[in-house]
Amino acid sequence: MLDREGIRGLRARAQALAGGLREVSAEAVVRRVFAVQAQDATAADLGIRVRGRDITAADIGAAYEDERSIVRGWYMRGTLHTIPSEDAHCQIGVSLNLVSDRSSAVD
């Protein structure tokens, strides 16, 4: 059985925050962790950079604006999430279903 420190280590590695694993692009970071959640755009970008190897602010800007490989949105829980672009359509559908289900429960 794992102790608290072991569990923390596993979580940190899974989130690409420990264990020496660093992705080489903003898209690879976001894909590895499914989504980077943050309260604002600057924090989201920092969340990507901390998980990457030599990823700059310009690299992240290019991923959003030129490559369009990642996108930001309020897909879950009313907080900002950065996800791979190709997952956006599916995530919007999931979010709409959740909102619809909650609305039906209130009626």
PDB file of N, CA and C in Angstrom:
ATOM      1  N   MET A   1       0.841  -1.188   0.000  1.00  0.00           N
ATOM      2  CA  MET A   1       0.000   0.000   0.000  1.00  0.00           C
ATOM      3  C   MET A   1       0.881   1.245   0.000  1.00  0.00           C
ATOM      4  N   LEU A   2       0.468   2.223  -0.764  1.00  0.00           N
ATOM      5  CA  LEU A   2       1.237   3.460  -0.873  1.00  0.00           C
ATOM      6  C   LEU A   2       0.973   4.390   0.305  1.00  0.00           C
ATOM      7  N   ASP A   3       2.016   5.072   0.724  1.00  0.00           N
ATOM      8  CA  ASP A   3       1.830   6.106   1.741  1.00  0.00           C
ATOM      9  C   ASP A   3       1.512   7.429   1.033  1.00  0.00           C
ATOM     10  N   ARG A   4       1.283   8.466   1.801  1.00  0.00           N
ATOM     11  CA  ARG A   4       0.918   9.774   1.232  1.00  0.00           C
ATOM     12  C   ARG A   4       1.975  10.292   0.260  1.00  0.00           C
ATOM     13  N   GLU A   5       3.231  10.142   0.628  1.00  0.00           N
ATOM     14  CA  GLU A   5       4.310  10.629  -0.227  1.00  0.00           C
ATOM     15  C   GLU A   5       4.347   9.869  -1.543  1.00  0.00           C
ATOM     16  N   GLY A   6       4.120   8.570  -1.499  1.00  0.00           N
ATOM     17  CA  GLY A   6       4.077   7.766  -2.713  1.00  0.00           C
ATOM     18  C   GLY A   6       2.928   8.168  -3.621  1.00  0.00           C
ATOM     19  N   ILE A   7       1.784   8.442  -3.025  1.00  0.00           N
ATOM     20  CA  ILE A   7       0.619   8.885  -3.799  1.00  0.00           C
ATOM     21  C   ILE A   7       0.892  10.247  -4.427  1.00  0.00           C
ATOM     22  N   ARG A   8       1.469  11.155  -3.659  1.00  0.00           N
ATOM     23  CA  ARG A   8       1.822  12.481  -4.209  1.00  0.00           C
ATOM     24  C   ARG A   8       2.775  12.343  -5.393  1.00  0.00           C
ATOM     25  N   GLY A   9       3.750  11.473  -5.268  1.00  0.00           N
ATOM     26  CA  GLY A   9       4.701  11.254  -6.353  1.00  0.00           C
ATOM     27  C   GLY A   9       4.037  10.720  -7.610  1.00  0.00           C
ATOM     28  N   LEU A  10       3.137   9.767  -7.447  1.00  0.00           N
ATOM     29  CA  LEU A  10       2.416   9.220  -8.598  1.00  0.00           C
ATOM     30  C   LEU A  10       1.573  10.291  -9.281  1.00  0.00           C
ATOM     31  N   ARG A  11       0.896  11.096  -8.488  1.00  0.00           N
ATOM     32  CA  ARG A  11       0.072  12.174  -9.051  1.00  0.00           C
ATOM     33  C   ARG A  11       0.936  13.194  -9.782  1.00  0.00           C
ATOM     34  N   ALA A  12       2.060  13.561  -9.195  1.00  0.00           N
ATOM     35  CA  ALA A  12       2.951  14.538  -9.823  1.00  0.00           C
ATOM     36  C   ALA A  12       3.505  14.007 -11.136  1.00  0.00           C
ATOM     37  N   ARG A  13       3.877  12.729 -11.181  1.00  0.00           N
ATOM     38  CA  ARG A  13       4.367  12.136 -12.425  1.00  0.00           C
ATOM     39  C   ARG A  13       3.256  12.055 -13.469  1.00  0.00           C
ATOM     40  N   ALA A  14       2.065  11.687 -13.058  1.00  0.00           N
ATOM     41  CA  ALA A  14       0.937  11.605 -13.989  1.00  0.00           C
ATOM     42  C   ALA A  14       0.619  12.965 -14.603  1.00  0.00           C
ATOM     43  N   GLN A  15       0.848  14.014 -13.838  1.00  0.00           N
ATOM     44  CA  GLN A  15       0.599  15.370 -14.334  1.00  0.00           C
ATOM     45  C   GLN A  15       1.841  15.993 -14.977  1.00  0.00           C
ATOM     46  N   ALA A  16       2.869  15.193 -15.204  1.00  0.00           N
ATOM     47  CA  ALA A  16       4.122  15.639 -15.838  1.00  0.00           C
ATOM     48  C   ALA A  16       4.793  16.749 -15.035  1.00  0.00           C
ATOM     49  N   LEU A  17       4.695  16.666 -13.715  1.00  0.00           N
ATOM     50  CA  LEU A  17       5.330  17.650 -12.834  1.00  0.00           C
ATOM     51  C   LEU A  17       6.525  17.080 -12.088  1.00  0.00           C
ATOM     52  N   ALA A  18       6.799  15.796 -12.258  1.00  0.00           N
ATOM     53  CA  ALA A  18       7.918  15.139 -11.571  1.00  0.00           C
ATOM     54  C   ALA A  18       8.369  13.952 -12.405  1.00  0.00           C
ATOM     55  N   GLY A  19       9.475  13.392 -12.017  1.00  0.00           N
ATOM     56  CA  GLY A  19       9.960  12.189 -12.677  1.00  0.00           C
ATOM     57  C   GLY A  19      10.785  12.441 -13.922  1.00  0.00           C
ATOM     58  N   GLY A  20      11.088  13.700 -14.185  1.00  0.00           N
ATOM     59  CA  GLY A  20      11.950  14.021 -15.310  1.00  0.00           C
ATOM     60  C   GLY A  20      11.269  14.036 -16.663  1.00  0.00           C
ATOM     61  N   LEU A  21       9.997  13.707 -16.733  1.00  0.00           N
ATOM     62  CA  LEU A  21       9.289  13.696 -18.003  1.00  0.00           C
ATOM     63  C   LEU A  21       8.907  15.121 -18.384  1.00  0.00           C
ATOM     64  N   ARG A  22       9.373  15.573 -19.519  1.00  0.00           N
ATOM     65  CA  ARG A  22       9.044  16.903 -20.030  1.00  0.00           C
ATOM     66  C   ARG A  22       8.708  16.766 -21.508  1.00  0.00           C
ATOM     67  N   GLU A  23       7.566  17.243 -21.891  1.00  0.00           N
ATOM     68  CA  GLU A  23       7.136  17.182 -23.289  1.00  0.00           C
ATOM     69  C   GLU A  23       7.819  18.282 -24.095  1.00  0.00           C
ATOM     70  N   VAL A  24       7.865  18.107 -25.410  1.00  0.00           N
ATOM     71  CA  VAL A  24       8.618  19.029 -26.260  1.00  0.00           C
ATOM     72  C   VAL A  24       7.760  20.092 -26.937  1.00  0.00           C
ATOM     73  N   SER A  25       6.442  19.996 -26.809  1.00  0.00           N
ATOM     74  CA  SER A  25       5.575  21.000 -27.420  1.00  0.00           C
ATOM     75  C   SER A  25       4.364  21.250 -26.530  1.00  0.00           C
ATOM     76  N   ALA A  26       3.738  22.396 -26.758  1.00  0.00           N
ATOM     77  CA  ALA A  26       2.530  22.736 -25.994  1.00  0.00           C
ATOM     78  C   ALA A  26       1.438  21.698 -26.248  1.00  0.00           C
ATOM     79  N   GLU A  27       1.273  21.286 -27.491  1.00  0.00           N
ATOM     80  CA  GLU A  27       0.261  20.287 -27.803  1.00  0.00           C
ATOM     81  C   GLU A  27       0.542  18.968 -27.080  1.00  0.00           C
ATOM     82  N   ALA A  28       1.789  18.542 -27.049  1.00  0.00           N
ATOM     83  CA  ALA A  28       2.140  17.281 -26.377  1.00  0.00           C
ATOM     84  C   ALA A  28       1.855  17.361 -24.881  1.00  0.00           C
ATOM     85  N   VAL A  29       2.121  18.512 -24.272  1.00  0.00           N
ATOM     86  CA  VAL A  29       1.821  18.690 -22.847  1.00  0.00           C
ATOM     87  C   VAL A  29       0.333  18.539 -22.608  1.00  0.00           C
ATOM     88  N   VAL A  30      -0.456  19.272 -23.366  1.00  0.00           N
ATOM     89  CA  VAL A  30      -1.915  19.265 -23.168  1.00  0.00           C
ATOM     90  C   VAL A  30      -2.481  17.878 -23.435  1.00  0.00           C
ATOM     91  N   ARG A  31      -1.989  17.232 -24.454  1.00  0.00           N
ATOM     92  CA  ARG A  31      -2.470  15.879 -24.765  1.00  0.00           C
ATOM     93  C   ARG A  31      -2.124  14.897 -23.641  1.00  0.00           C
ATOM     94  N   ARG A  32      -0.953  15.023 -23.062  1.00  0.00           N
ATOM     95  CA  ARG A  32      -0.535  14.109 -21.997  1.00  0.00           C
ATOM     96  C   ARG A  32      -1.440  14.204 -20.774  1.00  0.00           C
ATOM     97  N   VAL A  33      -1.842  15.404 -20.411  1.00  0.00           N
ATOM     98  CA  VAL A  33      -2.625  15.585 -19.183  1.00  0.00           C
ATOM     99  C   VAL A  33      -4.120  15.785 -19.463  1.00  0.00           C
ATOM    100  N   PHE A  34      -4.541  15.617 -20.695  1.00  0.00           N
ATOM    101  CA  PHE A  34      -5.905  15.784 -21.187  1.00  0.00           C
ATOM    102  C   PHE A  34      -6.321  17.244 -21.266  1.00  0.00           C
ATOM    103  N   ALA A  35      -6.093  18.017 -20.215  1.00  0.00           N
ATOM    104  CA  ALA A  35      -6.446  19.434 -20.206  1.00  0.00           C
ATOM    105  C   ALA A  35      -5.621  20.127 -19.131  1.00  0.00           C
ATOM    106  N   VAL A  36      -5.275  21.376 -19.400  1.00  0.00           N
ATOM    107  CA  VAL A  36      -4.620  22.200 -18.392  1.00  0.00           C
ATOM    108  C   VAL A  36      -5.660  23.174 -17.891  1.00  0.00           C
ATOM    109  N   GLN A  37      -6.001  23.079 -16.616  1.00  0.00           N
ATOM    110  CA  GLN A  37      -7.027  23.918 -16.000  1.00  0.00           C
ATOM    111  C   GLN A  37      -6.367  25.100 -15.319  1.00  0.00           C
ATOM    112  N   ALA A  38      -7.004  26.260 -15.426  1.00  0.00           N
ATOM    113  CA  ALA A  38      -6.474  27.464 -14.782  1.00  0.00           C
ATOM    114  C   ALA A  38      -7.590  28.480 -14.599  1.00  0.00           C
ATOM    115  N   GLN A  39      -7.313  29.490 -13.800  1.00  0.00           N
ATOM    116  CA  GLN A  39      -8.281  30.561 -13.582  1.00  0.00           C
ATOM    117  C   GLN A  39      -8.160  31.666 -14.621  1.00  0.00           C
ATOM    118  N   ASP A  40      -7.014  31.768 -15.289  1.00  0.00           N
ATOM    119  CA  ASP A  40      -6.848  32.760 -16.352  1.00  0.00           C
ATOM    120  C   ASP A  40      -5.842  32.254 -17.376  1.00  0.00           C
ATOM    121  N   ALA A  41      -5.757  32.958 -18.486  1.00  0.00           N
ATOM    122  CA  ALA A  41      -4.924  32.514 -19.605  1.00  0.00           C
ATOM    123  C   ALA A  41      -3.444  32.457 -19.245  1.00  0.00           C
ATOM    124  N   THR A  42      -2.969  33.421 -18.475  1.00  0.00           N
ATOM    125  CA  THR A  42      -1.555  33.433 -18.096  1.00  0.00           C
ATOM    126  C   THR A  42      -1.207  32.202 -17.273  1.00  0.00           C
ATOM    127  N   ALA A  43      -2.053  31.869 -16.323  1.00  0.00           N
ATOM    128  CA  ALA A  43      -1.811  30.684 -15.492  1.00  0.00           C
ATOM    129  C   ALA A  43      -1.866  29.407 -16.330  1.00  0.00           C
ATOM    130  N   ALA A  44      -2.756  29.363 -17.306  1.00  0.00           N
ATOM    131  CA  ALA A  44      -2.828  28.182 -18.185  1.00  0.00           C
ATOM    132  C   ALA A  44      -1.523  28.014 -18.952  1.00  0.00           C
ATOM    133  N   ASP A  45      -1.018  29.122 -19.478  1.00  0.00           N
ATOM    134  CA  ASP A  45       0.240  29.052 -20.225  1.00  0.00           C
ATOM    135  C   ASP A  45       1.399  28.620 -19.327  1.00  0.00           C
ATOM    136  N   LEU A  46       1.422  29.107 -18.107  1.00  0.00           N
ATOM    137  CA  LEU A  46       2.463  28.680 -17.163  1.00  0.00           C
ATOM    138  C   LEU A  46       2.332  27.191 -16.843  1.00  0.00           C
ATOM    139  N   GLY A  47       1.096  26.711 -16.755  1.00  0.00           N
ATOM    140  CA  GLY A  47       0.863  25.286 -16.522  1.00  0.00           C
ATOM    141  C   GLY A  47       1.406  24.426 -17.647  1.00  0.00           C
ATOM    142  N   ILE A  48       1.377  24.948 -18.849  1.00  0.00           N
ATOM    143  CA  ILE A  48       1.965  24.235 -19.990  1.00  0.00           C
ATOM    144  C   ILE A  48       3.488  24.302 -19.909  1.00  0.00           C
ATOM    145  N   ARG A  49       4.021  25.491 -19.660  1.00  0.00           N
ATOM    146  CA  ARG A  49       5.478  25.663 -19.656  1.00  0.00           C
ATOM    147  C   ARG A  49       6.160  24.822 -18.582  1.00  0.00           C
ATOM    148  N   VAL A  50       5.547  24.709 -17.406  1.00  0.00           N
ATOM    149  CA  VAL A  50       6.175  23.951 -16.321  1.00  0.00           C
ATOM    150  C   VAL A  50       6.260  22.460 -16.652  1.00  0.00           C
ATOM    151  N   ARG A  51       5.402  22.002 -17.546  1.00  0.00           N
ATOM    152  CA  ARG A  51       5.395  20.586 -17.930  1.00  0.00           C
ATOM    153  C   ARG A  51       6.215  20.314 -19.190  1.00  0.00           C
ATOM    154  N   GLY A  52       6.764  21.360 -19.779  1.00  0.00           N
ATOM    155  CA  GLY A  52       7.473  21.204 -21.037  1.00  0.00           C
ATOM    156  C   GLY A  52       8.974  21.364 -20.900  1.00  0.00           C
ATOM    157  N   ARG A  53       9.648  21.013 -21.966  1.00  0.00           N
ATOM    158  CA  ARG A  53      11.101  21.166 -22.039  1.00  0.00           C
ATOM    159  C   ARG A  53      11.397  22.326 -22.977  1.00  0.00           C
ATOM    160  N   ASP A  54      11.847  23.434 -22.405  1.00  0.00           N
ATOM    161  CA  ASP A  54      12.230  24.619 -23.183  1.00  0.00           C
ATOM    162  C   ASP A  54      11.083  25.189 -24.019  1.00  0.00           C
ATOM    163  N   ILE A  55       9.861  25.082 -23.537  1.00  0.00           N
ATOM    164  CA  ILE A  55       8.722  25.681 -24.228  1.00  0.00           C
ATOM    165  C   ILE A  55       8.638  27.144 -23.806  1.00  0.00           C
ATOM    166  N   THR A  56       8.604  28.034 -24.779  1.00  0.00           N
ATOM    167  CA  THR A  56       8.560  29.469 -24.508  1.00  0.00           C
ATOM    168  C   THR A  56       7.130  29.986 -24.644  1.00  0.00           C
ATOM    169  N   ALA A  57       6.929  31.215 -24.191  1.00  0.00           N
ATOM    170  CA  ALA A  57       5.627  31.863 -24.368  1.00  0.00           C
ATOM    171  C   ALA A  57       5.298  31.971 -25.856  1.00  0.00           C
ATOM    172  N   ALA A  58       6.314  32.244 -26.673  1.00  0.00           N
ATOM    173  CA  ALA A  58       6.098  32.333 -28.123  1.00  0.00           C
ATOM    174  C   ALA A  58       5.664  30.984 -28.703  1.00  0.00           C
ATOM    175  N   ASP A  59       6.223  29.892 -28.191  1.00  0.00           N
ATOM    176  CA  ASP A  59       5.820  28.551 -28.644  1.00  0.00           C
ATOM    177  C   ASP A  59       4.348  28.300 -28.337  1.00  0.00           C
ATOM    178  N   ILE A  60       3.930  28.708 -27.158  1.00  0.00           N
ATOM    179  CA  ILE A  60       2.536  28.512 -26.764  1.00  0.00           C
ATOM    180  C   ILE A  60       1.629  29.390 -27.618  1.00  0.00           C
ATOM    181  N   GLY A  61       2.028  30.634 -27.825  1.00  0.00           N
ATOM    182  CA  GLY A  61       1.256  31.516 -28.699  1.00  0.00           C
ATOM    183  C   GLY A  61       1.104  30.933 -30.095  1.00  0.00           C
ATOM    184  N   ALA A  62       2.178  30.358 -30.622  1.00  0.00           N
ATOM    185  CA  ALA A  62       2.119  29.737 -31.946  1.00  0.00           C
ATOM    186  C   ALA A  62       1.187  28.526 -31.949  1.00  0.00           C
ATOM    187  N   ALA A  63       1.186  27.758 -30.870  1.00  0.00           N
ATOM    188  CA  ALA A  63       0.294  26.596 -30.794  1.00  0.00           C
ATOM    189  C   ALA A  63      -1.177  27.029 -30.826  1.00  0.00           C
ATOM    190  N   TYR A  64      -1.496  28.139 -30.164  1.00  0.00           N
ATOM    191  CA  TYR A  64      -2.870  28.669 -30.185  1.00  0.00           C
ATOM    192  C   TYR A  64      -3.199  29.317 -31.529  1.00  0.00           C
ATOM    193  N   GLU A  65      -2.326  30.177 -32.000  1.00  0.00           N
ATOM    194  CA  GLU A  65      -2.677  31.074 -33.097  1.00  0.00           C
ATOM    195  C   GLU A  65      -2.256  30.601 -34.479  1.00  0.00           C
ATOM    196  N   ASP A  66      -1.086  30.004 -34.602  1.00  0.00           N
ATOM    197  CA  ASP A  66      -0.593  29.608 -35.925  1.00  0.00           C
ATOM    198  C   ASP A  66      -0.921  28.142 -36.235  1.00  0.00           C
ATOM    199  N   GLU A  67      -0.490  27.266 -35.357  1.00  0.00           N
ATOM    200  CA  GLU A  67      -0.738  25.835 -35.550  1.00  0.00           C
ATOM    201  C   GLU A  67      -2.191  25.475 -35.257  1.00  0.00           C
ATOM    202  N   ARG A  68      -2.787  26.222 -34.329  1.00  0.00           N
ATOM    203  CA  ARG A  68      -4.153  25.942 -33.846  1.00  0.00           C
ATOM    204  C   ARG A  68      -4.276  24.506 -33.330  1.00  0.00           C
ATOM    205  N   SER A  69      -3.215  24.066 -32.651  1.00  0.00           N
ATOM    206  CA  SER A  69      -3.183  22.699 -32.128  1.00  0.00           C
ATOM    207  C   SER A  69      -3.783  22.601 -30.727  1.00  0.00           C
ATOM    208  N   ILE A  70      -3.934  23.742 -30.040  1.00  0.00           N
ATOM    209  CA  ILE A  70      -4.577  23.783 -28.725  1.00  0.00           C
ATOM    210  C   ILE A  70      -5.567  24.947 -28.690  1.00  0.00           C
ATOM    211  N   VAL A  71      -6.597  24.801 -27.849  1.00  0.00           N
ATOM    212  CA  VAL A  71      -7.612  25.850 -27.704  1.00  0.00           C
ATOM    213  C   VAL A  71      -7.968  26.022 -26.237  1.00  0.00           C
ATOM    214  N   ARG A  72      -8.454  27.213 -25.900  1.00  0.00           N
ATOM    215  CA  ARG A  72      -8.939  27.492 -24.546  1.00  0.00           C
ATOM    216  C   ARG A  72     -10.450  27.574 -24.570  1.00  0.00           C
ATOM    217  N   GLY A  73     -11.052  27.141 -23.496  1.00  0.00           N
ATOM    218  CA  GLY A  73     -12.501  27.264 -23.371  1.00  0.00           C
ATOM    219  C   GLY A  73     -12.940  26.967 -21.957  1.00  0.00           C
ATOM    220  N   TRP A  74     -14.205  27.224 -21.692  1.00  0.00           N
ATOM    221  CA  TRP A  74     -14.790  26.929 -20.390  1.00  0.00           C
ATOM    222  C   TRP A  74     -15.619  25.659 -20.549  1.00  0.00           C
ATOM    223  N   TYR A  75     -14.936  24.546 -20.722  1.00  0.00           N
ATOM    224  CA  TYR A  75     -15.594  23.281 -21.025  1.00  0.00           C
ATOM    225  C   TYR A  75     -16.166  22.584 -19.795  1.00  0.00           C
ATOM    226  N   MET A  76     -15.502  22.732 -18.672  1.00  0.00           N
ATOM    227  CA  MET A  76     -15.889  21.983 -17.479  1.00  0.00           C
ATOM    228  C   MET A  76     -15.851  22.886 -16.255  1.00  0.00           C
ATOM    229  N   ARG A  77     -16.825  22.771 -15.415  1.00  0.00           N
ATOM    230  CA  ARG A  77     -16.847  23.410 -14.097  1.00  0.00           C
ATOM    231  C   ARG A  77     -16.716  24.928 -14.127  1.00  0.00           C
ATOM    232  N   GLY A  78     -16.937  25.557 -15.249  1.00  0.00           N
ATOM    233  CA  GLY A  78     -16.864  27.005 -15.318  1.00  0.00           C
ATOM    234  C   GLY A  78     -15.470  27.574 -15.142  1.00  0.00           C
ATOM    235  N   THR A  79     -14.432  26.761 -15.348  1.00  0.00           N
ATOM    236  CA  THR A  79     -13.058  27.259 -15.281  1.00  0.00           C
ATOM    237  C   THR A  79     -12.396  27.056 -16.635  1.00  0.00           C
ATOM    238  N   LEU A  80     -11.389  27.836 -16.884  1.00  0.00           N
ATOM    239  CA  LEU A  80     -10.681  27.811 -18.155  1.00  0.00           C
ATOM    240  C   LEU A  80      -9.887  26.513 -18.300  1.00  0.00           C
ATOM    241  N   HIS A  81     -10.032  25.866 -19.451  1.00  0.00           N
ATOM    242  CA  HIS A  81      -9.275  24.664 -19.767  1.00  0.00           C
ATOM    243  C   HIS A  81      -8.630  24.824 -21.136  1.00  0.00           C
ATOM    244  N   THR A  82      -7.394  24.400 -21.251  1.00  0.00           N
ATOM    245  CA  THR A  82      -6.712  24.326 -22.541  1.00  0.00           C
ATOM    246  C   THR A  82      -6.670  22.857 -22.923  1.00  0.00           C
ATOM    247  N   ILE A  83      -7.176  22.567 -24.119  1.00  0.00           N
ATOM    248  CA  ILE A  83      -7.252  21.185 -24.588  1.00  0.00           C
ATOM    249  C   ILE A  83      -6.719  21.100 -26.019  1.00  0.00           C
ATOM    250  N   PRO A  84      -6.401  19.887 -26.491  1.00  0.00           N
ATOM    251  CA  PRO A  84      -6.022  19.735 -27.893  1.00  0.00           C
ATOM    252  C   PRO A  84      -7.189  20.150 -28.789  1.00  0.00           C
ATOM    253  N   SER A  85      -6.907  20.853 -29.858  1.00  0.00           N
ATOM    254  CA  SER A  85      -7.965  21.342 -30.752  1.00  0.00           C
ATOM    255  C   SER A  85      -8.871  20.228 -31.246  1.00  0.00           C
ATOM    256  N   GLU A  86      -8.278  19.094 -31.581  1.00  0.00           N
ATOM    257  CA  GLU A  86      -9.096  18.017 -32.141  1.00  0.00           C
ATOM    258  C   GLU A  86     -10.080  17.438 -31.133  1.00  0.00           C
ATOM    259  N   ASP A  87      -9.908  17.721 -29.842  1.00  0.00           N
ATOM    260  CA  ASP A  87     -10.840  17.249 -28.816  1.00  0.00           C
ATOM    261  C   ASP A  87     -11.948  18.255 -28.520  1.00  0.00           C
ATOM    262  N   ALA A  88     -11.855  19.472 -29.056  1.00  0.00           N
ATOM    263  CA  ALA A  88     -12.793  20.537 -28.691  1.00  0.00           C
ATOM    264  C   ALA A  88     -14.232  20.189 -29.067  1.00  0.00           C
ATOM    265  N   HIS A  89     -14.441  19.666 -30.246  1.00  0.00           N
ATOM    266  CA  HIS A  89     -15.798  19.358 -30.680  1.00  0.00           C
ATOM    267  C   HIS A  89     -16.465  18.356 -29.730  1.00  0.00           C
ATOM    268  N   CYS A  90     -15.753  17.307 -29.411  1.00  0.00           N
ATOM    269  CA  CYS A  90     -16.271  16.292 -28.492  1.00  0.00           C
ATOM    270  C   CYS A  90     -16.530  16.893 -27.106  1.00  0.00           C
ATOM    271  N   GLN A  91     -15.604  17.709 -26.635  1.00  0.00           N
ATOM    272  CA  GLN A  91     -15.731  18.283 -25.291  1.00  0.00           C
ATOM    273  C   GLN A  91     -16.911  19.243 -25.209  1.00  0.00           C
ATOM    274  N   ILE A  92     -17.156  19.987 -26.280  1.00  0.00           N
ATOM    275  CA  ILE A  92     -18.317  20.885 -26.308  1.00  0.00           C
ATOM    276  C   ILE A  92     -19.589  20.062 -26.210  1.00  0.00           C
ATOM    277  N   GLY A  93     -19.640  18.955 -26.937  1.00  0.00           N
ATOM    278  CA  GLY A  93     -20.813  18.081 -26.871  1.00  0.00           C
ATOM    279  C   GLY A  93     -21.043  17.528 -25.478  1.00  0.00           C
ATOM    280  N   VAL A  94     -19.985  17.093 -24.818  1.00  0.00           N
ATOM    281  CA  VAL A  94     -20.105  16.584 -23.445  1.00  0.00           C
ATOM    282  C   VAL A  94     -20.602  17.683 -22.516  1.00  0.00           C
ATOM    283  N   SER A  95     -20.035  18.869 -22.644  1.00  0.00           N
ATOM    284  CA  SER A  95     -20.427  19.989 -21.784  1.00  0.00           C
ATOM    285  C   SER A  95     -21.888  20.360 -21.994  1.00  0.00           C
ATOM    286  N   LEU A  96     -22.328  20.397 -23.245  1.00  0.00           N
ATOM    287  CA  LEU A  96     -23.721  20.737 -23.526  1.00  0.00           C
ATOM    288  C   LEU A  96     -24.663  19.702 -22.928  1.00  0.00           C
ATOM    289  N   ASN A  97     -24.290  18.423 -23.005  1.00  0.00           N
ATOM    290  CA  ASN A  97     -25.118  17.381 -22.409  1.00  0.00           C
ATOM    291  C   ASN A  97     -25.215  17.547 -20.901  1.00  0.00           C
ATOM    292  N   LEU A  98     -24.109  17.901 -20.252  1.00  0.00           N
ATOM    293  CA  LEU A  98     -24.121  18.108 -18.802  1.00  0.00           C
ATOM    294  C   LEU A  98     -25.014  19.273 -18.420  1.00  0.00           C
ATOM    295  N   VAL A  99     -24.930  20.360 -19.167  1.00  0.00           N
ATOM    296  CA  VAL A  99     -25.761  21.534 -18.894  1.00  0.00           C
ATOM    297  C   VAL A  99     -27.218  21.190 -19.104  1.00  0.00           C
ATOM    298  N   SER A 100     -27.517  20.478 -20.184  1.00  0.00           N
ATOM    299  CA  SER A 100     -28.884  20.070 -20.475  1.00  0.00           C
ATOM    300  C   SER A 100     -29.448  19.174 -19.374  1.00  0.00           C
ATOM    301  N   ASP A 101     -28.638  18.210 -18.916  1.00  0.00           N
ATOM    302  CA  ASP A 101     -29.069  17.307 -17.850  1.00  0.00           C
ATOM    303  C   ASP A 101     -29.351  18.075 -16.561  1.00  0.00           C
ATOM    304  N   ARG A 102     -28.503  19.039 -16.225  1.00  0.00           N
ATOM    305  CA  ARG A 102     -28.715  19.834 -15.012  1.00  0.00           C
ATOM    306  C   ARG A 102     -29.966  20.689 -15.128  1.00  0.00           C
ATOM    307  N   SER A 103     -30.207  21.252 -16.314  1.00  0.00           N
ATOM    308  CA  SER A 103     -31.396  22.066 -16.520  1.00  0.00           C
ATOM    309  C   SER A 103     -32.658  21.233 -16.376  1.00  0.00           C
ATOM    310  N   SER A 104     -32.625  20.033 -16.891  1.00  0.00           N
ATOM    311  CA  SER A 104     -33.778  19.141 -16.792  1.00  0.00           C
ATOM    312  C   SER A 104     -34.050  18.756 -15.351  1.00  0.00           C
ATOM    313  N   ALA A 105     -33.016  18.586 -14.571  1.00  0.00           N
ATOM    314  CA  ALA A 105     -33.178  18.192 -13.165  1.00  0.00           C
ATOM    315  C   ALA A 105     -33.827  19.306 -12.354  1.00  0.00           C
ATOM    316  N   VAL A 106     -33.606  20.567 -12.761  1.00  0.00           N
ATOM    317  CA  VAL A 106     -34.166  21.699 -12.026  1.00  0.00           C
ATOM    318  C   VAL A 106     -35.640  21.883 -12.356  1.00  0.00           C
ATOM    319  N   ASP A 107     -36.041  21.567 -13.583  1.00  0.00           N
ATOM    320  CA  ASP A 107     -37.436  21.773 -14.020  1.00  0.00           C
ATOM    321  C   ASP A 107     -38.423  20.922 -13.277  1.00  0.00           C
TER     322      ASP A 107
END
